[in-house]
Amino acid sequence: MNASQIASGVDPGIVDVNTQLGYQSGSAAGTGMVLTSSGEVLTNNHVVEGATSISVTDIGNGRTYAANVVGTDATDDIAVLKLVGASGLSTVDLGASSTLSVGQAVVAIGNAGGVGGSPSVSTGQITALGQSITASDEASGSSEQLSGLLQTSATLQPGDSGGPLVDSSGRVVGIDTAASSSFQFQGASDQNYAIPIDNALSIARQIEAGDASTSIHIGQAAFLGVQVEAASGLSGSTSTSGAAVAAVVSGSPAAGAGIAAGDVIDSLNGQTVDSPSTLTALMEPHHPGDTVQVGWIDSSGQKQTASVQLASGPPA
């Protein structure tokens, strides 16, 4: 099949997603797909995780827009964005992942390397269906079990995440989900996976409807302002469980409460925090303005608690 011809028909409906990362004082990039002409965009949650600002460049018209987060599902690695002031955008042609079979030809399109410009193109086949991997995210210190994935021989690179995996007719059958320096697949035989579009759209529709759940967060995330890791990995820590604070954002609620790098958060609203993933899960239902009780063990081994009003922040 003519991959470049297929891609030329898909390109107007995709976007480059560029983020500023508050934790690392850096930046990152990924890809997204335009679902509506008014600027609703489907992408991976990990593309926008840790972002303090998001800008999106539409390939179809070349314009760059600020983007707000409509909602996220960290468990299934899905996010929906809304471009500010967008109208008349080209959209992607959606297919069905339920009809896919092993050996079927596919094309992966994205912003490989995060360099922008003409979207990258990689050809391959569906090599397996219903795959499960564990993905760990450095920004939140958490890990998620992603299941039901498509495995493909089309090569994916950092920056491709959130881009379309399309069939020979140019219809989207999956969302490219690529590993990067901060988002790693553990124990996977390769790094080339995609989320079936049927699954992704089901989650996106829940987000668009404002239907929050234990995994789906609607609107802006609540921001505590810490980057965490497993307590067992913190040098000199007296704790073996909890969410060890690797860094604190200046001016954040955590900084105002006196939480510092080297401390270990062990409770939130009286519930035990035994890992970074648990802290992420307990933060999930909260929104900016909520007040929570945070418990932590400081670097001298003393137990501390404080009431903290959560701020607006990056996607959870």
Protein backbone atom coordinates (compact mmCIF):
# COMPACT_ATOMS: atom_id res chain seq x y z
CA MET A 1 0.00 0.00 0.00
CA ASN A 2 1.07 3.61 -0.59
CA ALA A 3 1.77 4.81 2.94
CA SER A 4 2.50 8.41 1.98
CA GLN A 5 -0.77 8.67 0.08
CA ILE A 6 -2.68 7.25 3.04
CA ALA A 7 -0.92 9.63 5.43
CA SER A 8 -1.63 12.68 3.26
CA GLY A 9 -5.34 12.01 3.69
CA VAL A 10 -5.02 11.61 7.47
CA ASP A 11 -2.56 14.45 8.25
CA PRO A 12 -5.08 17.35 8.22
CA GLY A 13 -6.93 15.75 11.13
CA ILE A 14 -3.95 15.41 13.47
CA VAL A 15 -2.16 17.85 15.75
CA ASP A 16 1.19 18.28 17.45
CA VAL A 17 0.82 18.58 21.23
CA ASN A 18 3.51 20.60 23.03
CA THR A 19 3.65 20.86 26.81
CA GLN A 20 5.54 22.78 29.44
CA LEU A 21 6.42 20.60 32.42
CA GLY A 22 6.19 22.30 35.77
CA TYR A 23 8.02 19.59 37.70
CA GLN A 24 11.06 19.32 35.49
CA SER A 25 11.08 22.92 34.18
CA GLY A 26 11.26 21.34 30.74
CA SER A 27 9.05 20.56 27.78
CA ALA A 28 7.66 17.53 25.97
CA ALA A 29 5.76 16.76 22.79
CA GLY A 30 3.27 14.27 21.43
CA THR A 31 0.44 13.91 18.94
CA GLY A 32 -3.34 14.11 18.98
CA MET A 33 -6.33 13.47 16.72
CA VAL A 34 -9.08 16.00 16.03
CA LEU A 35 -12.51 14.53 16.82
CA THR A 36 -14.67 17.60 16.20
CA SER A 37 -14.35 20.66 13.97
CA SER A 38 -14.63 22.83 17.09
CA GLY A 39 -11.38 21.42 18.46
CA GLU A 40 -11.91 18.39 20.68
CA VAL A 41 -8.71 16.36 20.51
CA LEU A 42 -8.05 12.76 21.57
CA THR A 43 -4.58 11.87 22.84
CA ASN A 44 -2.76 9.77 25.46
CA ASN A 45 -2.95 10.83 29.10
CA HIS A 46 0.83 10.52 29.41
CA VAL A 47 1.27 13.11 26.63
CA VAL A 48 -0.20 15.81 28.91
CA GLU A 49 0.67 14.38 32.33
CA GLY A 50 2.79 16.80 34.32
CA ALA A 51 1.99 19.68 31.97
CA THR A 52 1.46 23.15 33.40
CA SER A 53 0.56 24.54 29.97
CA ILE A 54 -0.43 22.91 26.69
CA SER A 55 -0.25 24.30 23.15
CA VAL A 56 -1.46 22.46 20.07
CA THR A 57 -0.52 23.02 16.43
CA ASP A 58 -3.14 21.87 13.94
CA ILE A 59 -1.55 20.22 10.90
CA GLY A 60 -4.60 21.00 8.77
CA ASN A 61 -4.45 24.79 9.06
CA GLY A 62 -1.01 25.38 10.60
CA ARG A 63 -2.42 27.41 13.50
CA THR A 64 -1.35 27.00 17.13
CA TYR A 65 -3.94 27.03 19.92
CA ALA A 66 -3.89 26.97 23.69
CA ALA A 67 -5.54 23.78 24.96
CA ASN A 68 -7.53 22.95 28.07
CA VAL A 69 -7.98 19.47 29.50
CA VAL A 70 -11.59 18.27 29.26
CA GLY A 71 -10.79 15.11 31.18
CA THR A 72 -8.34 12.27 31.62
CA ASP A 73 -8.26 8.55 32.31
CA ALA A 74 -4.82 7.69 33.67
CA THR A 75 -5.74 4.02 34.08
CA ASP A 76 -6.36 3.60 30.35
CA ASP A 77 -3.96 6.37 29.22
CA ILE A 78 -6.60 8.51 27.49
CA ALA A 79 -7.10 12.29 27.52
CA VAL A 80 -9.45 14.68 25.75
CA LEU A 81 -8.36 18.27 25.10
CA LYS A 82 -10.31 21.31 23.88
CA LEU A 83 -8.55 23.85 21.70
CA VAL A 84 -9.35 27.44 22.65
CA GLY A 85 -11.03 29.43 19.88
CA ALA A 86 -10.85 26.67 17.26
CA SER A 87 -13.44 26.19 14.53
CA GLY A 88 -13.66 24.62 11.10
CA LEU A 89 -10.95 22.04 11.79
CA SER A 90 -10.45 18.91 9.72
CA THR A 91 -11.17 15.71 11.64
CA VAL A 92 -9.87 12.15 11.41
CA ASP A 93 -11.90 9.37 9.79
CA LEU A 94 -12.68 6.83 12.51
CA GLY A 95 -12.69 3.10 11.85
CA ALA A 96 -13.44 0.10 14.06
CA SER A 97 -10.82 -1.86 15.98
CA SER A 98 -13.21 -4.74 16.61
CA THR A 99 -12.70 -6.01 13.05
CA LEU A 100 -8.88 -6.06 13.15
CA SER A 101 -6.95 -9.26 12.63
CA VAL A 102 -3.33 -10.32 13.00
CA GLY A 103 -1.41 -9.66 9.81
CA GLN A 104 -3.54 -6.69 8.76
CA ALA A 105 -1.52 -3.82 7.29
CA VAL A 106 -1.44 -0.55 9.25
CA VAL A 107 0.24 2.85 9.11
CA ALA A 108 1.37 4.77 12.21
CA ILE A 109 1.43 8.55 11.92
CA GLY A 110 2.75 11.01 14.48
CA ASN A 111 5.18 13.63 15.68
CA ALA A 112 8.16 11.28 16.00
CA GLY A 113 10.91 12.83 18.07
CA GLY A 114 8.65 15.77 18.92
CA VAL A 115 10.23 17.82 16.15
CA GLY A 116 7.02 19.06 14.52
CA GLY A 117 6.72 19.71 10.81
CA SER A 118 5.42 17.05 8.44
CA PRO A 119 4.08 14.07 10.41
CA SER A 120 6.20 10.93 10.47
CA VAL A 121 4.98 7.75 8.80
CA SER A 122 5.77 4.12 9.66
CA THR A 123 4.27 1.04 8.06
CA GLY A 124 3.73 -2.42 9.51
CA GLN A 125 1.18 -5.02 10.46
CA ILE A 126 -0.94 -5.96 13.46
CA THR A 127 1.21 -8.61 15.14
CA ALA A 128 -0.99 -9.38 18.18
CA LEU A 129 -4.30 -8.44 19.77
CA GLY A 130 -5.35 -8.09 23.41
CA GLN A 131 -1.88 -7.44 24.80
CA SER A 132 -1.13 -6.27 28.36
CA ILE A 133 1.84 -4.21 29.51
CA THR A 134 2.85 -2.33 32.64
CA ALA A 135 3.70 1.32 32.01
CA SER A 136 5.51 3.46 34.56
CA ASP A 137 5.45 7.26 34.52
CA GLU A 138 8.34 9.22 35.95
CA ALA A 139 6.30 12.43 36.31
CA SER A 140 3.84 10.95 38.80
CA GLY A 141 5.92 8.04 40.08
CA SER A 142 2.99 5.75 39.32
CA SER A 143 2.51 2.69 37.15
CA GLU A 144 -0.54 1.37 35.31
CA GLN A 145 -1.46 -1.96 33.76
CA LEU A 146 -2.59 -1.24 30.20
CA SER A 147 -4.59 -4.08 28.70
CA GLY A 148 -6.38 -4.97 25.48
CA LEU A 149 -3.66 -3.31 23.41
CA LEU A 150 -2.83 -3.79 19.75
CA GLN A 151 0.75 -4.78 19.03
CA THR A 152 2.21 -3.67 15.72
CA SER A 153 5.42 -3.98 13.73
CA ALA A 154 5.11 -0.31 12.71
CA THR A 155 7.94 1.45 14.54
CA LEU A 156 6.84 4.01 17.13
CA GLN A 157 9.07 6.67 18.66
CA PRO A 158 8.70 9.18 21.51
CA GLY A 159 6.43 11.94 20.21
CA ASP A 160 4.22 9.51 18.27
CA SER A 161 2.04 8.94 21.36
CA GLY A 162 -1.53 10.04 20.76
CA GLY A 163 -1.21 9.76 17.00
CA PRO A 164 -3.36 7.61 14.73
CA LEU A 165 -2.77 4.00 13.76
CA VAL A 166 -4.78 3.69 10.53
CA ASP A 167 -5.83 0.92 8.18
CA SER A 168 -5.27 0.83 4.42
CA SER A 169 -8.29 3.09 3.91
CA GLY A 170 -6.92 5.77 6.25
CA ARG A 171 -9.42 5.09 9.00
CA VAL A 172 -8.19 5.30 12.59
CA VAL A 173 -8.14 1.90 14.30
CA GLY A 174 -5.88 2.73 17.26
CA ILE A 175 -3.99 5.37 19.22
CA ASP A 176 -0.22 5.05 19.00
CA THR A 177 1.22 4.65 22.52
CA ALA A 178 4.99 5.04 22.50
CA ALA A 179 7.47 4.72 25.33
CA SER A 180 9.74 7.67 26.11
CA SER A 181 12.45 8.60 28.58
CA SER A 182 9.78 9.30 31.24
CA PHE A 183 7.09 6.79 30.18
CA GLN A 184 8.42 3.23 30.10
CA PHE A 185 6.96 -0.17 29.28
CA GLN A 186 8.14 -2.82 31.74
CA GLY A 187 8.84 -6.35 30.57
CA ALA A 188 7.57 -5.66 27.05
CA SER A 189 9.15 -7.46 24.10
CA ASP A 190 9.00 -4.27 22.04
CA GLN A 191 7.72 -0.70 22.31
CA ASN A 192 5.13 -0.67 19.53
CA TYR A 193 1.60 -0.65 20.95
CA ALA A 194 -1.70 1.10 20.30
CA ILE A 195 -4.95 1.47 22.21
CA PRO A 196 -7.88 0.13 20.15
CA ILE A 197 -9.96 3.05 18.91
CA ASP A 198 -13.24 1.45 20.06
CA ASN A 199 -11.97 1.45 23.66
CA ALA A 200 -10.54 4.96 23.40
CA LEU A 201 -13.74 6.46 21.97
CA SER A 202 -15.86 4.85 24.67
CA ILE A 203 -13.72 6.58 27.31
CA ALA A 204 -13.67 9.85 25.34
CA ARG A 205 -17.47 9.89 25.19
CA GLN A 206 -17.66 9.44 28.97
CA ILE A 207 -15.23 12.34 29.39
CA GLU A 208 -17.18 14.55 26.98
CA ALA A 209 -20.39 13.75 28.86
CA GLY A 210 -18.78 14.78 32.16
CA ASP A 211 -19.24 11.27 33.53
CA ALA A 212 -16.58 10.97 36.24
CA SER A 213 -15.63 7.57 37.66
CA THR A 214 -12.91 5.98 39.76
CA SER A 215 -10.57 6.29 36.76
CA ILE A 216 -12.01 9.22 34.79
CA HIS A 217 -11.26 12.74 36.04
CA ILE A 218 -13.30 15.60 34.58
CA GLY A 219 -11.80 19.05 34.17
CA GLN A 220 -8.67 20.57 35.62
CA ALA A 221 -6.68 18.36 37.95
CA ALA A 222 -6.06 19.23 41.58
CA PHE A 223 -2.43 20.14 42.19
CA LEU A 224 -0.46 19.30 45.32
CA GLY A 225 2.90 20.17 43.82
CA VAL A 226 5.15 17.19 44.50
CA GLN A 227 7.07 14.79 42.32
CA VAL A 228 7.19 11.42 44.03
CA GLU A 229 8.89 8.06 43.84
CA ALA A 230 8.78 4.79 45.78
CA ALA A 231 9.98 5.36 49.35
CA SER A 232 12.15 2.25 49.15
CA GLY A 233 14.23 3.98 46.48
CA LEU A 234 14.92 7.12 48.53
CA SER A 235 18.46 7.22 49.88
CA GLY A 236 18.55 7.57 53.65
CA SER A 237 14.80 7.17 54.07
CA THR A 238 13.56 5.62 57.30
CA SER A 239 10.37 4.50 55.51
CA THR A 240 10.00 1.52 53.21
CA SER A 241 6.51 2.44 51.97
CA GLY A 242 4.78 5.63 50.97
CA ALA A 243 5.34 8.27 48.32
CA ALA A 244 8.82 9.72 48.69
CA VAL A 245 9.04 13.37 47.71
CA ALA A 246 11.72 13.79 45.04
CA ALA A 247 10.92 17.45 44.32
CA VAL A 248 8.50 20.17 45.36
CA VAL A 249 7.24 22.88 43.01
CA SER A 250 8.05 26.34 44.35
CA GLY A 251 4.92 28.21 45.45
CA SER A 252 2.77 25.08 45.38
CA PRO A 253 0.36 23.96 48.14
CA ALA A 254 2.90 21.32 49.22
CA ALA A 255 5.63 23.93 49.56
CA GLY A 256 3.31 26.15 51.59
CA ALA A 257 2.58 23.27 53.96
CA GLY A 258 6.27 22.71 54.56
CA ILE A 259 6.64 19.47 52.61
CA ALA A 260 10.18 19.17 51.27
CA ALA A 261 12.26 16.88 49.10
CA GLY A 262 13.29 13.85 51.14
CA ASP A 263 10.00 13.67 53.06
CA VAL A 264 7.67 10.68 52.62
CA ILE A 265 3.91 11.21 52.24
CA ASP A 266 2.13 8.35 54.05
CA SER A 267 -1.52 9.46 54.27
CA LEU A 268 -4.16 11.59 52.55
CA ASN A 269 -7.41 12.37 54.36
CA GLY A 270 -6.64 9.60 56.82
CA GLN A 271 -6.16 6.96 54.14
CA THR A 272 -2.82 5.17 53.96
CA VAL A 273 -0.47 6.11 51.12
CA ASP A 274 1.80 3.12 50.59
CA SER A 275 3.09 4.01 47.11
CA PRO A 276 3.12 6.80 44.52
CA SER A 277 0.34 4.98 42.64
CA THR A 278 -1.86 5.06 45.75
CA LEU A 279 -1.28 8.79 46.17
CA THR A 280 -2.25 9.35 42.53
CA ALA A 281 -5.43 7.29 42.99
CA LEU A 282 -6.42 9.14 46.17
CA MET A 283 -5.85 12.51 44.48
CA GLU A 284 -7.94 11.50 41.44
CA PRO A 285 -11.42 12.51 42.76
CA HIS A 286 -10.26 15.93 43.97
CA HIS A 287 -10.52 19.27 42.20
CA PRO A 288 -8.83 22.65 42.64
CA GLY A 289 -10.03 24.36 45.81
CA ASP A 290 -10.58 21.13 47.76
CA THR A 291 -8.91 20.95 51.16
CA VAL A 292 -7.16 17.71 52.09
CA GLN A 293 -5.29 16.48 55.15
CA VAL A 294 -1.78 15.39 54.20
CA GLY A 295 0.39 13.28 56.49
CA TRP A 296 4.10 12.81 55.96
CA ILE A 297 7.31 11.78 57.67
CA ASP A 298 9.98 14.46 57.40
CA SER A 299 13.66 13.82 56.76
CA SER A 300 14.38 13.69 60.50
CA GLY A 301 11.80 10.90 60.94
CA GLN A 302 9.14 13.09 62.60
CA LYS A 303 5.45 12.68 61.75
CA GLN A 304 3.84 15.82 60.28
CA THR A 305 0.29 16.69 59.17
CA ALA A 306 -1.25 19.73 57.52
CA SER A 307 -4.49 20.84 55.90
CA VAL A 308 -3.71 21.79 52.32
CA GLN A 309 -5.93 23.58 49.81
CA LEU A 310 -5.28 22.08 46.39
CA ALA A 311 -4.53 24.38 43.50
CA SER A 312 -5.12 24.16 39.75
CA GLY A 313 -2.41 22.13 38.16
CA PRO A 314 -1.35 19.67 35.53
CA PRO A 315 -3.38 16.62 34.53
CA ALA A 316 -3.26 13.90 37.18
